Amino acid sequence: MNSNWYSIFKDFKKIKVLIVGDAMIDSYIWGSINRQSPEAPIPIVDIEKHEKRLGGAANVASQIKALGATPILCSVIGYEDKGFFDLMKRKNLSAKGIMQEERKTTVKTRIISENKHQFRVDEEDTFAIINESDFIKHSIDLMSNVHVVIFQDYNKGVLTKHVINSLVEFATKKQIPTLVDPKKENYWQYKGVNLFKPNAKELIESNSETEPLSLENISRIVSKQRKQLNAKSFLLTLSEKGVFIQTENEEHHYPAYKRTIIDVSGAGDAVIATAALALALKVDHQNLAQLANLAGGLSCEKVGVNSVDMQNLLNEAILLI
């Protein structure tokens, strides 16, 4: 195993990451439930506080920043930014890759009580962005001196087929490593990337076979998809069962580390951010998978989307046997 984690983490600060995808706001309403509504069979939440955090591709940018590297976020939001730019400023994140047009800025509002999600309300538009060509040109201009590119797809309209094909082609030509966190709609669009990272649900939805997913058949299904996508590596997240990584020459399954799981939202963002930095630094696939596995687990220990603490991740990485 790689024992030089100190050196790897120190080198994170040299890495510049372009994140392209659907940025959003995660809004939280915290409160307590003490009674039922007389109007319908639902609980009444007495609100105690409101909070807004960066979500989606913007949360990946936050994760990259928290790990000491430099993120550049490329996304499209609405003219009414709903406080998005203030949140970016507060996190000291550059907004130079953000374009605006006539659409809703995606806001997911979660009502939380007793440390659990009680309800969620989404405000969004999911149609394709209007100014595709401008967005492609803008993203390519910002890609010129980055070390790695992440495609963070939530099927909200930023990553159209034309955007995906153009940016993957440019990154490949420039020999910039690419990673994808896919969703159902564009799943098969990401051909020839360096690392493809679906979760178990996305793998099942895109698999033509009907058999349930098991540790026994994962290898075969992943191998089939990896070849169809012409992906150099395939990192599958399996929630409480950990992660599975496969390349042309090797494959490994790493069980999840024991955690107090509070909230899984944002875990995939932590995984892809960590994997991107490891890939940019040419960390071998075994260590990349284990580090990403650790990051995903750490992000689940708090309510809501949270950036993984770099020192905590380093401490746990050092303990890897």
Protein backbone atom coordinates (compact mmCIF):
# COMPACT_ATOMS: atom_id res chain seq x y z
CA MET A 1 0.00 0.00 0.00
CA ASN A 2 1.04 3.58 -0.50
CA SER A 3 2.44 4.85 2.80
CA ASN A 4 3.28 8.31 1.49
CA TRP A 5 -0.11 9.89 2.23
CA TYR A 6 1.48 13.02 3.73
CA SER A 7 3.19 13.78 0.44
CA ILE A 8 0.02 13.09 -1.60
CA PHE A 9 -2.14 15.34 0.58
CA LYS A 10 0.52 18.06 0.48
CA ASP A 11 0.44 17.89 -3.33
CA PHE A 12 -3.33 18.45 -3.44
CA LYS A 13 -2.64 22.18 -3.34
CA LYS A 14 -0.87 21.96 -6.74
CA ILE A 15 -3.98 20.60 -8.48
CA LYS A 16 -6.46 22.70 -10.43
CA VAL A 17 -9.81 21.01 -11.09
CA LEU A 18 -12.51 21.99 -13.59
CA ILE A 19 -15.98 20.87 -12.45
CA VAL A 20 -18.66 21.00 -15.15
CA GLY A 21 -22.26 20.27 -14.26
CA ASP A 22 -25.46 21.15 -12.50
CA ALA A 23 -24.86 23.57 -9.62
CA MET A 24 -27.62 24.06 -7.08
CA ILE A 25 -28.49 25.32 -3.64
CA ASP A 26 -29.29 22.96 -0.79
CA SER A 27 -31.61 24.81 1.55
CA TYR A 28 -32.34 23.49 5.04
CA ILE A 29 -35.17 24.29 7.40
CA TRP A 30 -34.46 22.91 10.86
CA GLY A 31 -37.23 22.52 13.40
CA SER A 32 -39.00 20.33 15.93
CA ILE A 33 -42.14 18.23 15.69
CA ASN A 34 -44.41 18.38 18.71
CA ARG A 35 -47.89 17.97 17.23
CA GLN A 36 -49.97 16.82 14.28
CA SER A 37 -51.86 19.13 11.93
CA PRO A 38 -55.63 19.30 12.46
CA GLU A 39 -55.99 19.94 8.69
CA ALA A 40 -54.35 16.75 7.37
CA PRO A 41 -52.59 13.64 8.78
CA ILE A 42 -49.18 15.31 8.74
CA PRO A 43 -46.80 16.62 11.41
CA ILE A 44 -46.33 20.33 12.11
CA VAL A 45 -42.72 21.49 12.11
CA ASP A 46 -41.93 24.46 14.35
CA ILE A 47 -39.09 26.21 12.50
CA GLU A 48 -35.94 27.01 14.49
CA LYS A 49 -33.45 28.03 11.77
CA HIS A 50 -32.87 28.33 8.02
CA GLU A 51 -29.60 27.54 6.26
CA LYS A 52 -28.38 27.49 2.66
CA ARG A 53 -25.40 25.51 1.34
CA LEU A 54 -23.88 24.90 -2.08
CA GLY A 55 -25.15 21.69 -3.66
CA GLY A 56 -24.65 19.50 -6.71
CA ALA A 57 -21.59 20.42 -8.78
CA ALA A 58 -21.05 23.42 -6.48
CA ASN A 59 -20.70 21.04 -3.52
CA VAL A 60 -18.01 19.15 -5.46
CA ALA A 61 -16.19 22.47 -5.90
CA SER A 62 -16.48 23.02 -2.12
CA GLN A 63 -15.08 19.53 -1.48
CA ILE A 64 -12.12 20.19 -3.81
CA LYS A 65 -11.44 23.49 -2.01
CA ALA A 66 -11.66 21.83 1.43
CA LEU A 67 -9.01 19.32 0.32
CA GLY A 68 -6.62 22.16 -0.50
CA ALA A 69 -6.86 22.13 -4.31
CA THR A 70 -8.18 24.85 -6.66
CA PRO A 71 -11.65 24.29 -8.15
CA ILE A 72 -13.14 26.09 -11.16
CA LEU A 73 -16.88 25.52 -11.40
CA CYS A 74 -18.58 25.77 -14.81
CA SER A 75 -22.36 25.80 -14.64
CA VAL A 76 -25.49 27.67 -15.69
CA ILE A 77 -27.96 29.12 -13.19
CA GLY A 78 -30.94 31.47 -13.44
CA TYR A 79 -30.85 35.27 -13.57
CA GLU A 80 -32.40 35.11 -10.11
CA ASP A 81 -29.48 33.47 -8.33
CA LYS A 82 -31.33 32.85 -5.01
CA GLY A 83 -28.17 33.72 -3.07
CA PHE A 84 -25.89 31.40 -5.07
CA PHE A 85 -23.15 33.99 -5.65
CA ASP A 86 -23.12 34.95 -1.96
CA LEU A 87 -22.61 31.29 -1.04
CA MET A 88 -19.76 31.02 -3.55
CA LYS A 89 -18.14 34.16 -2.13
CA ARG A 90 -18.49 32.88 1.42
CA LYS A 91 -16.66 29.69 0.44
CA ASN A 92 -14.02 31.75 -1.41
CA LEU A 93 -14.88 30.00 -4.69
CA SER A 94 -14.41 31.63 -8.09
CA ALA A 95 -17.62 32.34 -10.03
CA LYS A 96 -15.84 33.02 -13.34
CA GLY A 97 -17.20 29.78 -14.83
CA ILE A 98 -20.84 30.55 -13.96
CA MET A 99 -23.21 31.68 -16.71
CA GLN A 100 -26.78 32.90 -16.24
CA GLU A 101 -29.82 32.59 -18.44
CA GLU A 102 -33.61 32.43 -18.32
CA ARG A 103 -34.21 29.44 -16.06
CA LYS A 104 -34.73 28.65 -12.39
CA THR A 105 -31.71 28.30 -10.16
CA THR A 106 -32.15 24.82 -8.69
CA VAL A 107 -33.01 24.92 -4.98
CA LYS A 108 -33.65 21.76 -2.96
CA THR A 109 -35.28 22.57 0.37
CA ARG A 110 -35.12 19.92 3.06
CA ILE A 111 -37.15 20.11 6.25
CA ILE A 112 -35.19 18.44 9.02
CA SER A 113 -36.33 17.47 12.48
CA GLU A 114 -34.93 14.96 14.97
CA ASN A 115 -31.81 14.70 12.73
CA LYS A 116 -33.90 13.24 9.90
CA HIS A 117 -35.26 14.50 6.58
CA GLN A 118 -38.99 14.86 7.05
CA PHE A 119 -39.79 16.44 3.69
CA ARG A 120 -38.13 17.86 0.57
CA VAL A 121 -39.32 20.51 -1.89
CA ASP A 122 -37.51 21.04 -5.24
CA GLU A 123 -37.60 24.21 -7.31
CA GLU A 124 -35.91 23.68 -10.68
CA ASP A 125 -35.93 23.66 -14.47
CA THR A 126 -34.55 20.57 -16.18
CA PHE A 127 -34.67 21.61 -19.83
CA ALA A 128 -31.41 21.90 -21.76
CA ILE A 129 -29.44 25.12 -21.39
CA ILE A 130 -30.14 27.67 -24.13
CA ASN A 131 -26.62 28.95 -24.87
CA GLU A 132 -24.84 25.61 -25.39
CA SER A 133 -22.15 26.92 -27.74
CA ASP A 134 -21.25 29.85 -25.47
CA PHE A 135 -21.06 27.53 -22.48
CA ILE A 136 -18.82 25.07 -24.34
CA LYS A 137 -16.47 27.86 -25.44
CA HIS A 138 -16.40 29.34 -21.93
CA SER A 139 -15.63 25.94 -20.35
CA ILE A 140 -12.90 25.16 -22.89
CA ASP A 141 -11.27 28.55 -22.24
CA LEU A 142 -11.13 27.71 -18.53
CA MET A 143 -9.84 24.17 -19.19
CA SER A 144 -6.54 25.31 -20.67
CA ASN A 145 -4.40 24.91 -17.53
CA VAL A 146 -6.30 22.45 -15.34
CA HIS A 147 -5.03 19.02 -14.25
CA VAL A 148 -8.33 17.11 -14.21
CA VAL A 149 -11.98 17.56 -15.28
CA ILE A 150 -15.06 16.32 -13.39
CA PHE A 151 -18.45 15.98 -15.08
CA GLN A 152 -21.06 16.20 -12.33
CA ASP A 153 -24.39 15.28 -13.90
CA TYR A 154 -27.75 15.62 -12.15
CA ASN A 155 -29.85 15.71 -15.35
CA LYS A 156 -30.82 19.36 -14.75
CA GLY A 157 -29.92 20.51 -18.28
CA VAL A 158 -26.32 21.80 -18.14
CA LEU A 159 -24.65 18.65 -19.45
CA THR A 160 -26.34 18.21 -22.82
CA LYS A 161 -25.06 15.65 -25.34
CA HIS A 162 -23.35 18.42 -27.31
CA VAL A 163 -21.69 19.83 -24.15
CA ILE A 164 -20.52 16.36 -23.05
CA ASN A 165 -19.15 15.33 -26.45
CA SER A 166 -17.36 18.65 -27.03
CA LEU A 167 -15.71 18.86 -23.60
CA VAL A 168 -14.71 15.18 -23.36
CA GLU A 169 -13.19 15.42 -26.85
CA PHE A 170 -11.24 18.57 -25.96
CA ALA A 171 -9.98 17.16 -22.63
CA THR A 172 -8.92 13.90 -24.33
CA LYS A 173 -7.06 15.81 -27.04
CA LYS A 174 -5.26 17.85 -24.37
CA GLN A 175 -4.58 14.65 -22.34
CA ILE A 176 -6.46 15.99 -19.31
CA PRO A 177 -7.90 13.14 -17.20
CA THR A 178 -11.70 13.07 -16.99
CA LEU A 179 -14.08 11.69 -14.34
CA VAL A 180 -17.86 11.34 -14.52
CA ASP A 181 -20.53 11.12 -11.84
CA PRO A 182 -23.39 10.12 -14.17
CA LYS A 183 -27.16 10.10 -14.00
CA LYS A 184 -29.61 8.00 -15.99
CA GLU A 185 -30.34 10.32 -18.92
CA ASN A 186 -26.79 10.78 -20.25
CA TYR A 187 -25.32 7.58 -18.80
CA TRP A 188 -24.10 6.17 -22.13
CA GLN A 189 -22.98 9.53 -23.50
CA TYR A 190 -19.67 9.64 -21.61
CA LYS A 191 -17.43 7.58 -23.89
CA GLY A 192 -13.68 7.27 -23.36
CA VAL A 193 -13.35 8.88 -19.92
CA ASN A 194 -10.62 7.99 -17.43
CA LEU A 195 -12.93 7.18 -14.53
CA PHE A 196 -16.67 6.47 -14.58
CA LYS A 197 -18.36 6.58 -11.16
CA PRO A 198 -22.00 5.51 -10.93
CA ASN A 199 -23.74 4.29 -7.79
CA ALA A 200 -25.54 0.94 -7.51
CA LYS A 201 -28.95 2.43 -8.41
CA GLU A 202 -27.58 4.03 -11.58
CA LEU A 203 -25.81 0.82 -12.56
CA ILE A 204 -29.03 -1.20 -12.16
CA GLU A 205 -31.14 1.35 -14.07
CA SER A 206 -28.74 1.27 -17.01
CA ASN A 207 -28.27 -2.52 -17.01
CA SER A 208 -30.39 -4.31 -19.63
CA GLU A 209 -30.47 -7.47 -17.52
CA THR A 210 -33.08 -7.90 -14.80
CA GLU A 211 -31.13 -9.92 -12.25
CA PRO A 212 -30.59 -8.19 -8.89
CA LEU A 213 -27.16 -6.76 -8.18
CA SER A 214 -24.90 -8.90 -6.00
CA LEU A 215 -21.20 -8.92 -5.20
CA GLU A 216 -21.00 -12.06 -7.36
CA ASN A 217 -22.29 -10.49 -10.59
CA ILE A 218 -20.94 -6.94 -10.16
CA SER A 219 -17.64 -7.81 -11.83
CA ARG A 220 -19.34 -9.07 -14.99
CA ILE A 221 -21.84 -6.17 -15.25
CA VAL A 222 -19.14 -3.55 -14.61
CA SER A 223 -16.80 -5.18 -17.12
CA LYS A 224 -19.52 -5.14 -19.79
CA GLN A 225 -20.36 -1.47 -19.16
CA ARG A 226 -16.73 -0.37 -18.88
CA LYS A 227 -16.05 -1.83 -22.33
CA GLN A 228 -19.22 -0.30 -23.81
CA LEU A 229 -18.18 3.10 -22.44
CA ASN A 230 -14.51 2.60 -23.34
CA ALA A 231 -13.71 3.85 -19.82
CA LYS A 232 -10.21 3.32 -18.48
CA SER A 233 -11.52 2.66 -14.97
CA PHE A 234 -14.90 2.15 -13.34
CA LEU A 235 -15.52 3.08 -9.68
CA LEU A 236 -18.86 1.80 -8.40
CA THR A 237 -20.15 3.10 -5.06
CA LEU A 238 -22.22 0.58 -3.12
CA SER A 239 -23.42 2.58 -0.09
CA GLU A 240 -23.01 0.46 3.04
CA LYS A 241 -21.17 -2.20 0.99
CA GLY A 242 -18.31 0.14 0.12
CA VAL A 243 -16.80 0.57 -3.35
CA PHE A 244 -15.77 -1.62 -6.28
CA ILE A 245 -13.10 -0.54 -8.74
CA GLN A 246 -12.19 -2.16 -12.04
CA THR A 247 -9.63 -1.42 -14.74
CA GLU A 248 -8.63 -3.54 -17.72
CA ASN A 249 -6.03 -5.34 -15.59
CA GLU A 250 -7.41 -5.44 -12.04
CA GLU A 251 -10.46 -5.20 -9.84
CA HIS A 252 -10.99 -4.78 -6.08
CA HIS A 253 -13.89 -4.53 -3.68
CA TYR A 254 -13.37 -2.47 -0.51
CA PRO A 255 -16.08 -2.77 2.18
CA ALA A 256 -17.35 0.39 3.85
CA TYR A 257 -15.64 1.42 7.06
CA LYS A 258 -17.80 1.35 10.18
CA ARG A 259 -19.52 4.73 10.59
CA THR A 260 -22.40 6.37 12.35
CA ILE A 261 -24.40 7.18 9.23
CA ILE A 262 -26.47 10.33 9.74
CA ASP A 263 -27.13 11.50 6.18
CA VAL A 264 -25.95 10.12 2.83
CA SER A 265 -26.67 13.28 0.77
CA GLY A 266 -23.46 14.59 -0.75
CA ALA A 267 -21.50 11.35 -0.23
CA GLY A 268 -21.06 10.85 -3.99
CA ASP A 269 -19.72 14.42 -4.27
CA ALA A 270 -17.04 13.65 -1.67
CA VAL A 271 -16.11 10.43 -3.49
CA ILE A 272 -15.69 12.04 -6.93
CA ALA A 273 -13.77 15.06 -5.56
CA THR A 274 -11.28 12.83 -3.73
CA ALA A 275 -10.95 10.43 -6.66
CA ALA A 276 -10.24 13.36 -9.01
CA LEU A 277 -7.34 14.63 -6.92
CA ALA A 278 -5.91 11.11 -6.56
CA LEU A 279 -6.23 10.56 -10.33
CA ALA A 280 -4.54 13.88 -11.11
CA LEU A 281 -1.63 12.87 -8.87
CA LYS A 282 -1.42 9.42 -10.54
CA VAL A 283 -2.23 7.57 -7.31
CA ASP A 284 -2.73 3.87 -8.13
CA HIS A 285 -6.30 2.63 -8.47
CA GLN A 286 -6.29 0.61 -5.24
CA ASN A 287 -5.34 3.61 -3.14
CA LEU A 288 -7.63 5.91 -5.13
CA ALA A 289 -10.61 3.65 -4.40
CA GLN A 290 -9.80 3.32 -0.71
CA LEU A 291 -9.30 7.05 -0.26
CA ALA A 292 -12.58 7.81 -2.07
CA ASN A 293 -14.29 5.17 0.08
CA LEU A 294 -13.05 6.90 3.23
CA ALA A 295 -14.18 10.33 2.01
CA GLY A 296 -17.67 9.09 1.16
CA GLY A 297 -18.06 7.57 4.61
CA LEU A 298 -16.82 10.66 6.44
CA SER A 299 -19.31 12.87 4.58
CA CYS A 300 -22.21 10.77 5.93
CA GLU A 301 -21.45 11.53 9.58
CA LYS A 302 -23.24 14.92 9.57
CA VAL A 303 -26.66 16.11 8.49
CA GLY A 304 -26.79 17.73 5.03
CA VAL A 305 -24.04 18.27 2.46
CA ASN A 306 -20.73 18.88 4.23
CA SER A 307 -17.15 19.22 3.04
CA VAL A 308 -14.88 16.45 4.23
CA ASP A 309 -12.23 17.69 6.65
CA MET A 310 -8.81 17.26 5.03
CA GLN A 311 -7.03 16.42 8.30
CA ASN A 312 -9.63 13.80 9.25
CA LEU A 313 -9.28 12.17 5.84
CA LEU A 314 -5.49 12.17 6.08
CA ASN A 315 -5.60 10.65 9.58
CA GLU A 316 -7.80 7.83 8.34
CA ALA A 317 -5.77 7.29 5.17
CA ILE A 318 -2.64 6.80 7.26
CA LEU A 319 -4.39 3.96 9.10
CA LEU A 320 -5.03 2.03 5.88
CA ILE A 321 -3.28 -1.32 5.99
